[in-house]
Amino acid sequence: FESSLEIHYGVFRKSKVGIVVYNMQGQQVAILEDKVMQPEKYFATWNPEDGLATGYYFIAIKINDLQVHYLKVYKK
């Protein structure tokens, strides 16, 4: 992706949702969600900051005890 990234997800019961972006060194780059959400379909948008380097970033999505990771490439 080049300018922004949309992450689509669904919550099936009232759940604590966290979506965090990490760089390859494991440093937190952005928090996109950190709250309790009701059952519904959602999306979060990541607009990387101007100073962010081109490279690989992990998107960690945690809904209650379920955690999933995605690897995305950011290009300026």
Protein backbone atom coordinates (compact mmCIF):
# COMPACT_ATOMS: atom_id res chain seq x y z
CA PHE A 1 0.00 0.00 0.00
CA GLU A 2 1.16 3.56 -0.55
CA SER A 3 -0.97 6.15 1.27
CA SER A 4 -3.41 4.37 3.59
CA LEU A 5 -4.54 0.90 4.53
CA GLU A 6 -8.10 -0.19 5.42
CA ILE A 7 -8.47 -3.19 7.70
CA HIS A 8 -11.92 -4.82 7.66
CA TYR A 9 -13.00 -7.08 10.52
CA GLY A 10 -16.09 -8.34 12.30
CA VAL A 11 -17.03 -8.70 15.96
CA PHE A 12 -19.50 -11.51 16.69
CA ARG A 13 -20.18 -10.69 20.35
CA LYS A 14 -19.35 -7.79 22.62
CA SER A 15 -15.54 -7.89 22.67
CA LYS A 16 -12.39 -6.03 23.59
CA VAL A 17 -10.71 -5.11 20.28
CA GLY A 18 -7.12 -4.00 19.81
CA ILE A 19 -5.43 -3.25 16.49
CA VAL A 20 -1.78 -2.23 16.69
CA VAL A 21 0.90 -1.63 14.03
CA TYR A 22 4.52 -2.69 14.70
CA ASN A 23 7.71 -2.23 12.71
CA MET A 24 10.15 -5.09 12.05
CA GLN A 25 12.04 -4.29 15.28
CA GLY A 26 8.85 -4.92 17.28
CA GLN A 27 8.35 -1.23 18.11
CA GLN A 28 4.76 0.00 18.26
CA VAL A 29 4.09 2.45 15.41
CA ALA A 30 0.33 3.10 15.76
CA ILE A 31 -2.75 2.07 17.75
CA LEU A 32 -5.81 1.89 15.49
CA GLU A 33 -8.33 0.44 17.97
CA ASP A 34 -8.35 -0.18 21.73
CA LYS A 35 -11.89 -0.45 23.03
CA VAL A 36 -14.89 -2.68 23.71
CA MET A 37 -17.07 -3.03 20.61
CA GLN A 38 -20.53 -4.37 19.92
CA PRO A 39 -21.29 -7.13 17.36
CA GLU A 40 -20.99 -5.60 13.90
CA LYS A 41 -18.69 -5.25 10.88
CA TYR A 42 -16.01 -2.56 11.22
CA PHE A 43 -12.97 -1.14 9.49
CA ALA A 44 -9.93 0.74 10.74
CA THR A 45 -7.77 2.98 8.60
CA TRP A 46 -4.02 3.36 8.98
CA ASN A 47 -2.56 6.56 7.53
CA PRO A 48 1.21 6.28 8.12
CA GLU A 49 2.98 9.38 9.38
CA ASP A 50 5.16 11.39 6.97
CA GLY A 51 8.42 10.32 8.62
CA LEU A 52 7.65 6.59 8.48
CA ALA A 53 10.20 4.57 6.52
CA THR A 54 9.32 2.37 3.57
CA GLY A 55 9.33 -1.26 4.68
CA TYR A 56 7.48 -4.14 6.30
CA TYR A 57 4.99 -3.64 9.13
CA PHE A 58 2.98 -6.09 11.23
CA ILE A 59 -0.69 -5.47 11.92
CA ALA A 60 -1.78 -7.24 15.15
CA ILE A 61 -5.53 -7.69 15.58
CA LYS A 62 -6.71 -8.97 18.95
CA ILE A 63 -10.38 -9.68 19.66
CA ASN A 64 -10.74 -11.01 23.21
CA ASP A 65 -8.32 -13.99 23.30
CA LEU A 66 -7.96 -14.42 19.52
CA GLN A 67 -4.93 -12.71 18.00
CA VAL A 68 -4.01 -12.56 14.30
CA HIS A 69 -0.99 -10.95 12.62
CA TYR A 70 -0.66 -9.62 9.08
CA LEU A 71 2.47 -8.45 7.31
CA LYS A 72 2.11 -5.42 5.02
CA VAL A 73 4.61 -3.49 2.91
CA TYR A 74 4.50 0.30 3.03
CA LYS A 75 5.93 2.17 0.03
CA LYS A 76 6.31 5.91 -0.17
